[in-house]
Protein backbone atom coordinates (compact mmCIF):
# COMPACT_ATOMS: atom_id res chain seq x y z
CA UNK A 1 0.00 0.00 0.00
CA UNK A 2 1.39 3.47 -0.84
CA UNK A 3 2.76 5.28 2.18
CA UNK A 4 0.52 8.27 1.45
CA UNK A 5 -2.67 6.30 2.00
CA UNK A 6 -4.29 6.94 5.36
CA UNK A 7 -5.77 3.59 6.33
CA UNK A 8 -8.33 5.19 8.65
CA UNK A 9 -9.83 7.35 5.89
CA UNK A 10 -13.03 6.45 4.07
CA UNK A 11 -12.01 5.43 0.56
CA UNK A 12 -15.37 4.27 -0.81
CA UNK A 13 -18.54 6.38 -0.96
CA UNK A 14 -21.65 4.63 -2.27
CA UNK A 15 -24.83 6.49 -3.18
CA UNK A 16 -27.92 4.30 -2.97
CA UNK A 17 -31.65 4.56 -3.64
CA UNK A 18 -34.26 3.58 -6.20
CA UNK A 19 -33.99 4.60 -9.85
CA UNK A 20 -34.18 8.36 -10.29
CA UNK A 21 -33.42 9.06 -6.64
CA UNK A 22 -30.39 11.25 -7.35
CA UNK A 23 -27.55 8.73 -7.14
CA UNK A 24 -25.85 9.59 -10.42
CA UNK A 25 -26.04 13.34 -9.90
CA UNK A 26 -24.59 13.03 -6.38
CA UNK A 27 -21.87 10.69 -7.64
CA UNK A 28 -20.71 13.23 -10.22
CA UNK A 29 -21.01 16.17 -7.82
CA UNK A 30 -18.99 14.64 -5.01
CA UNK A 31 -16.40 13.21 -7.38
CA UNK A 32 -15.80 16.74 -8.66
CA UNK A 33 -15.64 18.14 -5.12
CA UNK A 34 -13.15 15.53 -3.98
CA UNK A 35 -10.97 16.11 -7.03
CA UNK A 36 -11.08 19.88 -6.49
CA UNK A 37 -9.98 19.31 -2.87
CA UNK A 38 -6.93 17.38 -4.05
CA UNK A 39 -8.06 13.75 -3.84
CA UNK A 40 -7.45 11.21 -6.58
CA UNK A 41 -10.92 9.98 -7.44
CA UNK A 42 -12.29 6.90 -9.22
CA UNK A 43 -15.86 7.59 -10.35
CA UNK A 44 -18.36 4.96 -11.47
CA UNK A 45 -21.88 5.89 -12.51
CA UNK A 46 -24.42 3.26 -13.47
CA UNK A 47 -23.55 3.86 -17.13
CA UNK A 48 -19.88 2.90 -16.66
CA UNK A 49 -18.89 0.32 -19.28
CA UNK A 50 -17.00 -1.76 -18.46
CA UNK A 51 -18.12 -1.61 -14.86
CA UNK A 52 -15.60 -2.95 -12.33
CA UNK A 53 -18.03 -4.58 -9.87
CA UNK A 54 -21.32 -5.25 -11.69
CA UNK A 55 -21.31 -9.03 -12.02
CA UNK A 56 -24.31 -9.31 -14.34
CA UNK A 57 -22.34 -7.53 -17.10
CA UNK A 58 -20.37 -10.74 -17.63
CA UNK A 59 -23.48 -12.78 -18.53
CA UNK A 60 -24.92 -13.41 -22.02
CA UNK A 61 -28.17 -11.65 -21.07
CA UNK A 62 -27.03 -9.05 -18.54
CA UNK A 63 -30.51 -7.51 -18.24
CA UNK A 64 -32.07 -10.85 -17.30
CA UNK A 65 -29.43 -12.82 -15.40
CA UNK A 66 -32.05 -15.37 -14.32
CA UNK A 67 -31.82 -16.76 -17.87
CA UNK A 68 -28.20 -17.83 -17.35
CA UNK A 69 -27.40 -18.23 -13.66
CA UNK A 70 -28.85 -18.94 -10.23
CA UNK A 71 -28.80 -16.67 -7.19
CA UNK A 72 -25.97 -18.47 -5.41
CA UNK A 73 -23.62 -18.11 -8.38
CA UNK A 74 -24.57 -14.49 -9.03
CA UNK A 75 -23.98 -13.61 -5.37
CA UNK A 76 -20.59 -15.33 -5.46
CA UNK A 77 -19.63 -13.43 -8.62
CA UNK A 78 -20.61 -10.13 -6.99
CA UNK A 79 -18.39 -10.77 -3.98
CA UNK A 80 -15.51 -11.94 -6.18
CA UNK A 81 -15.64 -8.83 -8.38
CA UNK A 82 -15.77 -6.54 -5.35
CA UNK A 83 -12.86 -8.43 -3.74
CA UNK A 84 -10.71 -7.85 -6.84
CA UNK A 85 -11.73 -4.19 -6.91
CA UNK A 86 -10.86 -3.69 -3.22
CA UNK A 87 -7.47 -5.36 -3.72
CA UNK A 88 -6.73 -2.98 -6.61
CA UNK A 89 -7.82 0.08 -4.63
CA UNK A 90 -5.59 -0.88 -1.73
CA UNK A 91 -2.62 -0.45 -4.06
CA UNK A 92 -3.36 3.21 -4.83
CA UNK A 93 -4.49 6.49 -3.28
CA UNK A 94 -7.89 6.74 -4.96
CA UNK A 95 -11.16 7.49 -3.24
CA UNK A 96 -13.95 5.70 -5.12
CA UNK A 97 -17.37 7.27 -5.56
CA UNK A 98 -19.92 4.70 -6.71
CA UNK A 99 -23.43 5.06 -8.09
CA UNK A 100 -25.32 2.15 -6.53
CA UNK A 101 -23.96 -1.41 -6.83
CA UNK A 102 -24.39 -2.17 -3.15
CA UNK A 103 -28.20 -2.29 -3.43
CA UNK A 104 -29.08 -0.91 -6.86
CA UNK A 105 -27.67 -3.27 -9.48
CA UNK A 106 -26.89 -6.91 -8.76
CA UNK A 107 -28.76 -6.92 -5.44
CA UNK A 108 -31.84 -5.80 -7.35
CA UNK A 109 -31.29 -8.78 -9.62
CA UNK A 110 -30.96 -11.14 -6.66
CA UNK A 111 -34.23 -9.76 -5.32
CA UNK A 112 -35.98 -10.16 -8.69
CA UNK A 113 -34.58 -13.70 -8.89
CA UNK A 114 -36.26 -14.37 -5.53
CA UNK A 115 -33.20 -15.12 -3.47
CA UNK A 116 -34.40 -15.89 0.06
CA UNK A 117 -34.28 -12.88 2.40
CA UNK A 118 -32.06 -14.74 4.85
CA UNK A 119 -29.62 -15.52 2.01
CA UNK A 120 -29.66 -11.88 0.89
CA UNK A 121 -28.83 -10.83 4.44
CA UNK A 122 -25.94 -13.32 4.56
CA UNK A 123 -24.73 -12.10 1.16
CA UNK A 124 -24.75 -8.49 2.34
CA UNK A 125 -22.91 -9.38 5.55
CA UNK A 126 -20.21 -11.17 3.55
CA UNK A 127 -19.99 -8.33 1.03
CA UNK A 128 -19.55 -5.68 3.72
CA UNK A 129 -16.70 -7.78 5.14
CA UNK A 130 -15.10 -7.66 1.68
CA UNK A 131 -15.52 -3.86 1.50
CA UNK A 132 -14.32 -3.17 5.05
CA UNK A 133 -10.67 -2.37 4.13
CA UNK A 134 -11.91 0.65 2.14
CA UNK A 135 -13.85 1.93 5.16
CA UNK A 136 -17.00 2.55 3.11
CA UNK A 137 -19.70 5.14 3.71
CA UNK A 138 -23.22 4.57 2.32
CA UNK A 139 -25.56 7.46 1.54
CA UNK A 140 -29.16 6.29 1.11
CA UNK A 141 -31.62 8.53 -0.72
CA UNK A 142 -35.12 7.63 0.39
CA UNK A 143 -38.61 8.95 -0.42
CA UNK A 144 -41.53 8.79 1.98
CA UNK A 145 -43.99 8.59 -0.94
CA UNK A 146 -42.51 5.83 -3.07
CA UNK A 147 -45.43 5.69 -5.49
CA UNK A 148 -45.26 9.41 -6.23
CA UNK A 149 -41.48 9.26 -6.68
CA UNK A 150 -41.69 6.38 -9.14
CA UNK A 151 -44.50 7.89 -11.18
CA UNK A 152 -42.56 11.14 -11.35
CA UNK A 153 -39.36 9.56 -12.67
CA UNK A 154 -41.27 7.43 -15.19
CA UNK A 155 -42.94 10.56 -16.50
CA UNK A 156 -39.71 12.59 -16.53
CA UNK A 157 -37.76 9.98 -18.47
CA UNK A 158 -40.46 9.43 -21.05
CA UNK A 159 -42.42 6.55 -22.61
CA UNK A 160 -39.46 4.74 -24.15
CA UNK A 161 -37.65 4.52 -20.81
CA UNK A 162 -40.85 3.47 -19.06
CA UNK A 163 -41.45 0.66 -21.55
CA UNK A 164 -37.83 -0.41 -21.21
CA UNK A 165 -38.24 -0.70 -17.42
CA UNK A 166 -41.53 -2.57 -17.67
CA UNK A 167 -40.28 -4.75 -20.50
CA UNK A 168 -37.60 -6.58 -18.54
CA UNK A 169 -38.28 -6.10 -14.85
CA UNK A 170 -41.81 -7.46 -15.14
CA UNK A 171 -40.37 -10.55 -16.84
CA UNK A 172 -38.39 -11.38 -13.71
CA UNK A 173 -39.25 -14.46 -11.61
CA UNK A 174 -40.50 -12.15 -8.84
CA UNK A 175 -42.95 -10.34 -11.13
CA UNK A 176 -44.05 -13.37 -13.14
CA UNK A 177 -44.90 -15.45 -10.06
CA UNK A 178 -47.02 -12.57 -8.71
CA UNK A 179 -48.55 -11.78 -12.11
CA UNK A 180 -47.48 -8.14 -11.88
CA UNK A 181 -48.29 -5.94 -14.84
CA UNK A 182 -47.96 -2.30 -15.88
CA UNK A 183 -46.83 0.63 -13.80
CA UNK A 184 -48.81 -0.57 -10.80
CA UNK A 185 -47.01 -3.89 -10.94
CA UNK A 186 -43.62 -2.17 -11.10
CA UNK A 187 -44.50 0.05 -8.14
CA UNK A 188 -45.67 -2.98 -6.17
CA UNK A 189 -42.37 -4.72 -6.81
CA UNK A 190 -40.34 -1.67 -5.81
CA UNK A 191 -42.36 -1.24 -2.64
CA UNK A 192 -41.24 -4.72 -1.57
CA UNK A 193 -37.70 -4.08 -2.79
CA UNK A 194 -37.50 -0.84 -0.85
CA UNK A 195 -38.65 -2.66 2.27
CA UNK A 196 -35.71 -5.00 1.78
CA UNK A 197 -33.16 -2.23 1.27
CA UNK A 198 -34.52 -0.31 4.27
CA UNK A 199 -33.86 -3.38 6.41
CA UNK A 200 -30.40 -3.96 4.95
CA UNK A 201 -29.44 -0.32 5.43
CA UNK A 202 -30.39 -0.42 9.10
CA UNK A 203 -27.98 -3.26 9.81
CA UNK A 204 -25.04 -2.08 7.68
CA UNK A 205 -21.93 -2.09 9.84
CA UNK A 206 -20.32 1.03 8.43
CA UNK A 207 -20.76 4.81 8.52
CA UNK A 208 -24.04 5.64 6.79
CA UNK A 209 -26.43 8.48 6.17
CA UNK A 210 -30.11 8.23 5.23
CA UNK A 211 -31.75 11.28 3.64
CA UNK A 212 -35.45 11.61 2.88
CA UNK A 213 -35.51 13.68 -0.29
CA UNK A 214 -39.22 14.27 -0.97
CA UNK A 215 -38.88 17.99 -0.27
CA UNK A 216 -36.12 18.45 -2.85
CA UNK A 217 -33.87 20.44 -0.51
CA UNK A 218 -30.70 19.29 -2.21
CA UNK A 219 -28.48 22.05 -0.87
CA UNK A 220 -29.32 20.85 2.64
CA UNK A 221 -28.85 17.18 1.75
CA UNK A 222 -25.48 17.84 0.13
CA UNK A 223 -24.32 19.86 3.12
CA UNK A 224 -25.13 16.91 5.38
CA UNK A 225 -23.11 14.64 3.12
CA UNK A 226 -20.22 17.14 3.22
CA UNK A 227 -20.30 17.07 7.01
CA UNK A 228 -20.41 13.27 7.15
CA UNK A 229 -17.48 12.89 4.76
CA UNK A 230 -15.45 15.49 6.61
CA UNK A 231 -15.99 13.53 9.82
CA UNK A 232 -14.54 10.47 8.09
CA UNK A 233 -11.37 12.26 7.04
CA UNK A 234 -12.41 12.86 3.42
CA UNK A 235 -11.55 16.38 2.24
CA UNK A 236 -14.50 18.06 0.49
C-alpha atoms as a PDB file:
ATOM      1  CA  UNK A   1       0.000   0.000   0.000  1.00  0.00           C
ATOM      2  CA  UNK A   2       1.390   3.465  -0.839  1.00  0.00           C
ATOM      3  CA  UNK A   3       2.756   5.277   2.176  1.00  0.00           C
ATOM      4  CA  UNK A   4       0.515   8.275   1.449  1.00  0.00           C
ATOM      5  CA  UNK A   5      -2.674   6.303   1.998  1.00  0.00           C
ATOM      6  CA  UNK A   6      -4.295   6.939   5.358  1.00  0.00           C
ATOM      7  CA  UNK A   7      -5.774   3.592   6.332  1.00  0.00           C
ATOM      8  CA  UNK A   8      -8.332   5.194   8.655  1.00  0.00           C
ATOM      9  CA  UNK A   9      -9.829   7.347   5.889  1.00  0.00           C
ATOM     10  CA  UNK A  10     -13.031   6.454   4.072  1.00  0.00           C
ATOM     11  CA  UNK A  11     -12.013   5.434   0.561  1.00  0.00           C
ATOM     12  CA  UNK A  12     -15.371   4.273  -0.812  1.00  0.00           C
ATOM     13  CA  UNK A  13     -18.536   6.379  -0.963  1.00  0.00           C
ATOM     14  CA  UNK A  14     -21.650   4.632  -2.265  1.00  0.00           C
ATOM     15  CA  UNK A  15     -24.835   6.493  -3.179  1.00  0.00           C
ATOM     16  CA  UNK A  16     -27.924   4.303  -2.971  1.00  0.00           C
ATOM     17  CA  UNK A  17     -31.650   4.563  -3.644  1.00  0.00           C
ATOM     18  CA  UNK A  18     -34.259   3.584  -6.196  1.00  0.00           C
ATOM     19  CA  UNK A  19     -33.986   4.595  -9.855  1.00  0.00           C
ATOM     20  CA  UNK A  20     -34.180   8.356 -10.289  1.00  0.00           C
ATOM     21  CA  UNK A  21     -33.425   9.057  -6.635  1.00  0.00           C
ATOM     22  CA  UNK A  22     -30.385  11.254  -7.346  1.00  0.00           C
ATOM     23  CA  UNK A  23     -27.549   8.732  -7.139  1.00  0.00           C
ATOM     24  CA  UNK A  24     -25.845   9.586 -10.420  1.00  0.00           C
ATOM     25  CA  UNK A  25     -26.037  13.343  -9.901  1.00  0.00           C
ATOM     26  CA  UNK A  26     -24.592  13.029  -6.383  1.00  0.00           C
ATOM     27  CA  UNK A  27     -21.866  10.685  -7.640  1.00  0.00           C
ATOM     28  CA  UNK A  28     -20.706  13.227 -10.218  1.00  0.00           C
ATOM     29  CA  UNK A  29     -21.013  16.172  -7.819  1.00  0.00           C
ATOM     30  CA  UNK A  30     -18.987  14.643  -5.011  1.00  0.00           C
ATOM     31  CA  UNK A  31     -16.403  13.214  -7.385  1.00  0.00           C
ATOM     32  CA  UNK A  32     -15.799  16.743  -8.665  1.00  0.00           C
ATOM     33  CA  UNK A  33     -15.642  18.144  -5.120  1.00  0.00           C
ATOM     34  CA  UNK A  34     -13.149  15.527  -3.984  1.00  0.00           C
ATOM     35  CA  UNK A  35     -10.972  16.110  -7.034  1.00  0.00           C
ATOM     36  CA  UNK A  36     -11.076  19.876  -6.485  1.00  0.00           C
ATOM     37  CA  UNK A  37      -9.983  19.311  -2.869  1.00  0.00           C
ATOM     38  CA  UNK A  38      -6.930  17.382  -4.045  1.00  0.00           C
ATOM     39  CA  UNK A  39      -8.058  13.751  -3.839  1.00  0.00           C
ATOM     40  CA  UNK A  40      -7.454  11.213  -6.580  1.00  0.00           C
ATOM     41  CA  UNK A  41     -10.924   9.983  -7.440  1.00  0.00           C
ATOM     42  CA  UNK A  42     -12.287   6.905  -9.219  1.00  0.00           C
ATOM     43  CA  UNK A  43     -15.860   7.587 -10.350  1.00  0.00           C
ATOM     44  CA  UNK A  44     -18.361   4.957 -11.472  1.00  0.00           C
ATOM     45  CA  UNK A  45     -21.882   5.888 -12.514  1.00  0.00           C
ATOM     46  CA  UNK A  46     -24.419   3.263 -13.467  1.00  0.00           C
ATOM     47  CA  UNK A  47     -23.550   3.861 -17.135  1.00  0.00           C
ATOM     48  CA  UNK A  48     -19.875   2.899 -16.660  1.00  0.00           C
ATOM     49  CA  UNK A  49     -18.886   0.318 -19.285  1.00  0.00           C
ATOM     50  CA  UNK A  50     -17.003  -1.759 -18.462  1.00  0.00           C
ATOM     51  CA  UNK A  51     -18.122  -1.610 -14.863  1.00  0.00           C
ATOM     52  CA  UNK A  52     -15.601  -2.950 -12.328  1.00  0.00           C
ATOM     53  CA  UNK A  53     -18.028  -4.576  -9.874  1.00  0.00           C
ATOM     54  CA  UNK A  54     -21.324  -5.253 -11.690  1.00  0.00           C
ATOM     55  CA  UNK A  55     -21.312  -9.030 -12.020  1.00  0.00           C
ATOM     56  CA  UNK A  56     -24.315  -9.306 -14.343  1.00  0.00           C
ATOM     57  CA  UNK A  57     -22.340  -7.533 -17.100  1.00  0.00           C
ATOM     58  CA  UNK A  58     -20.373 -10.744 -17.634  1.00  0.00           C
ATOM     59  CA  UNK A  59     -23.480 -12.784 -18.529  1.00  0.00           C
ATOM     60  CA  UNK A  60     -24.916 -13.410 -22.018  1.00  0.00           C
ATOM     61  CA  UNK A  61     -28.173 -11.648 -21.065  1.00  0.00           C
ATOM     62  CA  UNK A  62     -27.033  -9.045 -18.542  1.00  0.00           C
ATOM     63  CA  UNK A  63     -30.514  -7.509 -18.242  1.00  0.00           C
ATOM     64  CA  UNK A  64     -32.068 -10.852 -17.304  1.00  0.00           C
ATOM     65  CA  UNK A  65     -29.433 -12.824 -15.395  1.00  0.00           C
ATOM     66  CA  UNK A  66     -32.047 -15.367 -14.318  1.00  0.00           C
ATOM     67  CA  UNK A  67     -31.819 -16.757 -17.872  1.00  0.00           C
ATOM     68  CA  UNK A  68     -28.196 -17.827 -17.353  1.00  0.00           C
ATOM     69  CA  UNK A  69     -27.402 -18.227 -13.659  1.00  0.00           C
ATOM     70  CA  UNK A  70     -28.848 -18.940 -10.229  1.00  0.00           C
ATOM     71  CA  UNK A  71     -28.802 -16.674  -7.187  1.00  0.00           C
ATOM     72  CA  UNK A  72     -25.966 -18.465  -5.412  1.00  0.00           C
ATOM     73  CA  UNK A  73     -23.620 -18.111  -8.379  1.00  0.00           C
ATOM     74  CA  UNK A  74     -24.566 -14.493  -9.027  1.00  0.00           C
ATOM     75  CA  UNK A  75     -23.984 -13.614  -5.374  1.00  0.00           C
ATOM     76  CA  UNK A  76     -20.590 -15.326  -5.458  1.00  0.00           C
ATOM     77  CA  UNK A  77     -19.634 -13.431  -8.620  1.00  0.00           C
ATOM     78  CA  UNK A  78     -20.606 -10.126  -6.994  1.00  0.00           C
ATOM     79  CA  UNK A  79     -18.385 -10.769  -3.984  1.00  0.00           C
ATOM     80  CA  UNK A  80     -15.505 -11.941  -6.179  1.00  0.00           C
ATOM     81  CA  UNK A  81     -15.640  -8.827  -8.376  1.00  0.00           C
ATOM     82  CA  UNK A  82     -15.775  -6.536  -5.349  1.00  0.00           C
ATOM     83  CA  UNK A  83     -12.865  -8.430  -3.744  1.00  0.00           C
ATOM     84  CA  UNK A  84     -10.713  -7.848  -6.841  1.00  0.00           C
ATOM     85  CA  UNK A  85     -11.729  -4.193  -6.907  1.00  0.00           C
ATOM     86  CA  UNK A  86     -10.858  -3.693  -3.224  1.00  0.00           C
ATOM     87  CA  UNK A  87      -7.475  -5.357  -3.721  1.00  0.00           C
ATOM     88  CA  UNK A  88      -6.728  -2.983  -6.609  1.00  0.00           C
ATOM     89  CA  UNK A  89      -7.817   0.079  -4.625  1.00  0.00           C
ATOM     90  CA  UNK A  90      -5.587  -0.885  -1.726  1.00  0.00           C
ATOM     91  CA  UNK A  91      -2.624  -0.451  -4.061  1.00  0.00           C
ATOM     92  CA  UNK A  92      -3.355   3.207  -4.833  1.00  0.00           C
ATOM     93  CA  UNK A  93      -4.494   6.488  -3.283  1.00  0.00           C
ATOM     94  CA  UNK A  94      -7.891   6.743  -4.958  1.00  0.00           C
ATOM     95  CA  UNK A  95     -11.163   7.489  -3.244  1.00  0.00           C
ATOM     96  CA  UNK A  96     -13.954   5.703  -5.123  1.00  0.00           C
ATOM     97  CA  UNK A  97     -17.367   7.274  -5.564  1.00  0.00           C
ATOM     98  CA  UNK A  98     -19.916   4.698  -6.705  1.00  0.00           C
ATOM     99  CA  UNK A  99     -23.431   5.059  -8.094  1.00  0.00           C
ATOM    100  CA  UNK A 100     -25.316   2.146  -6.528  1.00  0.00           C
ATOM    101  CA  UNK A 101     -23.956  -1.414  -6.833  1.00  0.00           C
ATOM    102  CA  UNK A 102     -24.394  -2.167  -3.149  1.00  0.00           C
ATOM    103  CA  UNK A 103     -28.199  -2.290  -3.425  1.00  0.00           C
ATOM    104  CA  UNK A 104     -29.078  -0.912  -6.861  1.00  0.00           C
ATOM    105  CA  UNK A 105     -27.669  -3.273  -9.478  1.00  0.00           C
ATOM    106  CA  UNK A 106     -26.894  -6.906  -8.755  1.00  0.00           C
ATOM    107  CA  UNK A 107     -28.757  -6.921  -5.443  1.00  0.00           C
ATOM    108  CA  UNK A 108     -31.842  -5.801  -7.351  1.00  0.00           C
ATOM    109  CA  UNK A 109     -31.289  -8.777  -9.621  1.00  0.00           C
ATOM    110  CA  UNK A 110     -30.963 -11.139  -6.659  1.00  0.00           C
ATOM    111  CA  UNK A 111     -34.232  -9.758  -5.323  1.00  0.00           C
ATOM    112  CA  UNK A 112     -35.985 -10.156  -8.694  1.00  0.00           C
ATOM    113  CA  UNK A 113     -34.580 -13.701  -8.892  1.00  0.00           C
ATOM    114  CA  UNK A 114     -36.261 -14.367  -5.528  1.00  0.00           C
ATOM    115  CA  UNK A 115     -33.199 -15.121  -3.475  1.00  0.00           C
ATOM    116  CA  UNK A 116     -34.399 -15.888   0.063  1.00  0.00           C
ATOM    117  CA  UNK A 117     -34.283 -12.881   2.397  1.00  0.00           C
ATOM    118  CA  UNK A 118     -32.057 -14.744   4.847  1.00  0.00           C
ATOM    119  CA  UNK A 119     -29.622 -15.518   2.014  1.00  0.00           C
ATOM    120  CA  UNK A 120     -29.655 -11.880   0.886  1.00  0.00           C
ATOM    121  CA  UNK A 121     -28.830 -10.829   4.443  1.00  0.00           C
ATOM    122  CA  UNK A 122     -25.943 -13.320   4.559  1.00  0.00           C
ATOM    123  CA  UNK A 123     -24.731 -12.102   1.164  1.00  0.00           C
ATOM    124  CA  UNK A 124     -24.751  -8.491   2.343  1.00  0.00           C
ATOM    125  CA  UNK A 125     -22.913  -9.376   5.553  1.00  0.00           C
ATOM    126  CA  UNK A 126     -20.214 -11.168   3.552  1.00  0.00           C
ATOM    127  CA  UNK A 127     -19.995  -8.328   1.034  1.00  0.00           C
ATOM    128  CA  UNK A 128     -19.546  -5.683   3.724  1.00  0.00           C
ATOM    129  CA  UNK A 129     -16.698  -7.779   5.136  1.00  0.00           C
ATOM    130  CA  UNK A 130     -15.097  -7.655   1.679  1.00  0.00           C
ATOM    131  CA  UNK A 131     -15.519  -3.861   1.499  1.00  0.00           C
ATOM    132  CA  UNK A 132     -14.316  -3.174   5.050  1.00  0.00           C
ATOM    133  CA  UNK A 133     -10.670  -2.372   4.128  1.00  0.00           C
ATOM    134  CA  UNK A 134     -11.910   0.647   2.139  1.00  0.00           C
ATOM    135  CA  UNK A 135     -13.852   1.926   5.162  1.00  0.00           C
ATOM    136  CA  UNK A 136     -17.005   2.555   3.114  1.00  0.00           C
ATOM    137  CA  UNK A 137     -19.697   5.135   3.709  1.00  0.00           C
ATOM    138  CA  UNK A 138     -23.217   4.568   2.321  1.00  0.00           C
ATOM    139  CA  UNK A 139     -25.561   7.456   1.538  1.00  0.00           C
ATOM    140  CA  UNK A 140     -29.158   6.286   1.110  1.00  0.00           C
ATOM    141  CA  UNK A 141     -31.617   8.534  -0.724  1.00  0.00           C
ATOM    142  CA  UNK A 142     -35.122   7.626   0.387  1.00  0.00           C
ATOM    143  CA  UNK A 143     -38.607   8.951  -0.421  1.00  0.00           C
ATOM    144  CA  UNK A 144     -41.527   8.794   1.980  1.00  0.00           C
ATOM    145  CA  UNK A 145     -43.988   8.590  -0.941  1.00  0.00           C
ATOM    146  CA  UNK A 146     -42.508   5.828  -3.070  1.00  0.00           C
ATOM    147  CA  UNK A 147     -45.433   5.690  -5.492  1.00  0.00           C
ATOM    148  CA  UNK A 148     -45.256   9.412  -6.234  1.00  0.00           C
ATOM    149  CA  UNK A 149     -41.475   9.264  -6.679  1.00  0.00           C
ATOM    150  CA  UNK A 150     -41.689   6.378  -9.136  1.00  0.00           C
ATOM    151  CA  UNK A 151     -44.500   7.894 -11.177  1.00  0.00           C
ATOM    152  CA  UNK A 152     -42.564  11.144 -11.354  1.00  0.00           C
ATOM    153  CA  UNK A 153     -39.360   9.558 -12.667  1.00  0.00           C
ATOM    154  CA  UNK A 154     -41.268   7.428 -15.188  1.00  0.00           C
ATOM    155  CA  UNK A 155     -42.940  10.565 -16.499  1.00  0.00           C
ATOM    156  CA  UNK A 156     -39.713  12.589 -16.534  1.00  0.00           C
ATOM    157  CA  UNK A 157     -37.760   9.981 -18.473  1.00  0.00           C
ATOM    158  CA  UNK A 158     -40.462   9.434 -21.053  1.00  0.00           C
ATOM    159  CA  UNK A 159     -42.423   6.554 -22.608  1.00  0.00           C
ATOM    160  CA  UNK A 160     -39.463   4.741 -24.147  1.00  0.00           C
ATOM    161  CA  UNK A 161     -37.646   4.519 -20.811  1.00  0.00           C
ATOM    162  CA  UNK A 162     -40.853   3.466 -19.063  1.00  0.00           C
ATOM    163  CA  UNK A 163     -41.454   0.660 -21.546  1.00  0.00           C
ATOM    164  CA  UNK A 164     -37.833  -0.414 -21.210  1.00  0.00           C
ATOM    165  CA  UNK A 165     -38.241  -0.698 -17.422  1.00  0.00           C
ATOM    166  CA  UNK A 166     -41.527  -2.566 -17.668  1.00  0.00           C
ATOM    167  CA  UNK A 167     -40.283  -4.750 -20.498  1.00  0.00           C
ATOM    168  CA  UNK A 168     -37.600  -6.578 -18.545  1.00  0.00           C
ATOM    169  CA  UNK A 169     -38.284  -6.099 -14.847  1.00  0.00           C
ATOM    170  CA  UNK A 170     -41.807  -7.463 -15.141  1.00  0.00           C
ATOM    171  CA  UNK A 171     -40.373 -10.547 -16.835  1.00  0.00           C
ATOM    172  CA  UNK A 172     -38.388 -11.382 -13.710  1.00  0.00           C
ATOM    173  CA  UNK A 173     -39.254 -14.456 -11.612  1.00  0.00           C
ATOM    174  CA  UNK A 174     -40.502 -12.149  -8.835  1.00  0.00           C
ATOM    175  CA  UNK A 175     -42.947 -10.337 -11.135  1.00  0.00           C
ATOM    176  CA  UNK A 176     -44.051 -13.369 -13.135  1.00  0.00           C
ATOM    177  CA  UNK A 177     -44.899 -15.450 -10.061  1.00  0.00           C
ATOM    178  CA  UNK A 178     -47.020 -12.575  -8.712  1.00  0.00           C
ATOM    179  CA  UNK A 179     -48.552 -11.776 -12.111  1.00  0.00           C
ATOM    180  CA  UNK A 180     -47.477  -8.143 -11.878  1.00  0.00           C
ATOM    181  CA  UNK A 181     -48.285  -5.935 -14.843  1.00  0.00           C
ATOM    182  CA  UNK A 182     -47.957  -2.304 -15.884  1.00  0.00           C
ATOM    183  CA  UNK A 183     -46.833   0.630 -13.804  1.00  0.00           C
ATOM    184  CA  UNK A 184     -48.813  -0.566 -10.796  1.00  0.00           C
ATOM    185  CA  UNK A 185     -47.005  -3.889 -10.939  1.00  0.00           C
ATOM    186  CA  UNK A 186     -43.621  -2.168 -11.095  1.00  0.00           C
ATOM    187  CA  UNK A 187     -44.502   0.052  -8.137  1.00  0.00           C
ATOM    188  CA  UNK A 188     -45.674  -2.976  -6.168  1.00  0.00           C
ATOM    189  CA  UNK A 189     -42.367  -4.721  -6.815  1.00  0.00           C
ATOM    190  CA  UNK A 190     -40.342  -1.666  -5.809  1.00  0.00           C
ATOM    191  CA  UNK A 191     -42.364  -1.235  -2.645  1.00  0.00           C
ATOM    192  CA  UNK A 192     -41.243  -4.715  -1.566  1.00  0.00           C
ATOM    193  CA  UNK A 193     -37.695  -4.079  -2.787  1.00  0.00           C
ATOM    194  CA  UNK A 194     -37.500  -0.836  -0.847  1.00  0.00           C
ATOM    195  CA  UNK A 195     -38.651  -2.659   2.274  1.00  0.00           C
ATOM    196  CA  UNK A 196     -35.715  -5.001   1.778  1.00  0.00           C
ATOM    197  CA  UNK A 197     -33.162  -2.227   1.274  1.00  0.00           C
ATOM    198  CA  UNK A 198     -34.516  -0.307   4.268  1.00  0.00           C
ATOM    199  CA  UNK A 199     -33.862  -3.376   6.408  1.00  0.00           C
ATOM    200  CA  UNK A 200     -30.402  -3.962   4.949  1.00  0.00           C
ATOM    201  CA  UNK A 201     -29.438  -0.324   5.428  1.00  0.00           C
ATOM    202  CA  UNK A 202     -30.391  -0.418   9.102  1.00  0.00           C
ATOM    203  CA  UNK A 203     -27.981  -3.262   9.809  1.00  0.00           C
ATOM    204  CA  UNK A 204     -25.036  -2.079   7.683  1.00  0.00           C
ATOM    205  CA  UNK A 205     -21.932  -2.095   9.844  1.00  0.00           C
ATOM    206  CA  UNK A 206     -20.317   1.031   8.429  1.00  0.00           C
ATOM    207  CA  UNK A 207     -20.758   4.808   8.516  1.00  0.00           C
ATOM    208  CA  UNK A 208     -24.041   5.638   6.792  1.00  0.00           C
ATOM    209  CA  UNK A 209     -26.427   8.481   6.172  1.00  0.00           C
ATOM    210  CA  UNK A 210     -30.109   8.226   5.229  1.00  0.00           C
ATOM    211  CA  UNK A 211     -31.745  11.279   3.639  1.00  0.00           C
ATOM    212  CA  UNK A 212     -35.448  11.609   2.876  1.00  0.00           C
ATOM    213  CA  UNK A 213     -35.510  13.685  -0.292  1.00  0.00           C
ATOM    214  CA  UNK A 214     -39.224  14.273  -0.969  1.00  0.00           C
ATOM    215  CA  UNK A 215     -38.881  17.993  -0.267  1.00  0.00           C
ATOM    216  CA  UNK A 216     -36.118  18.452  -2.851  1.00  0.00           C
ATOM    217  CA  UNK A 217     -33.866  20.443  -0.512  1.00  0.00           C
ATOM    218  CA  UNK A 218     -30.699  19.287  -2.213  1.00  0.00           C
ATOM    219  CA  UNK A 219     -28.483  22.055  -0.867  1.00  0.00           C
ATOM    220  CA  UNK A 220     -29.320  20.847   2.639  1.00  0.00           C
ATOM    221  CA  UNK A 221     -28.852  17.177   1.747  1.00  0.00           C
ATOM    222  CA  UNK A 222     -25.480  17.839   0.126  1.00  0.00           C
ATOM    223  CA  UNK A 223     -24.322  19.862   3.119  1.00  0.00           C
ATOM    224  CA  UNK A 224     -25.133  16.912   5.384  1.00  0.00           C
ATOM    225  CA  UNK A 225     -23.108  14.642   3.116  1.00  0.00           C
ATOM    226  CA  UNK A 226     -20.218  17.140   3.218  1.00  0.00           C
ATOM    227  CA  UNK A 227     -20.299  17.068   7.009  1.00  0.00           C
ATOM    228  CA  UNK A 228     -20.415  13.272   7.154  1.00  0.00           C
ATOM    229  CA  UNK A 229     -17.478  12.893   4.759  1.00  0.00           C
ATOM    230  CA  UNK A 230     -15.448  15.495   6.606  1.00  0.00           C
ATOM    231  CA  UNK A 231     -15.993  13.530   9.815  1.00  0.00           C
ATOM    232  CA  UNK A 232     -14.537  10.465   8.092  1.00  0.00           C
ATOM    233  CA  UNK A 233     -11.373  12.257   7.037  1.00  0.00           C
ATOM    234  CA  UNK A 234     -12.414  12.856   3.423  1.00  0.00           C
ATOM    235  CA  UNK A 235     -11.553  16.376   2.236  1.00  0.00           C
ATOM    236  CA  UNK A 236     -14.504  18.058   0.490  1.00  0.00           C
END
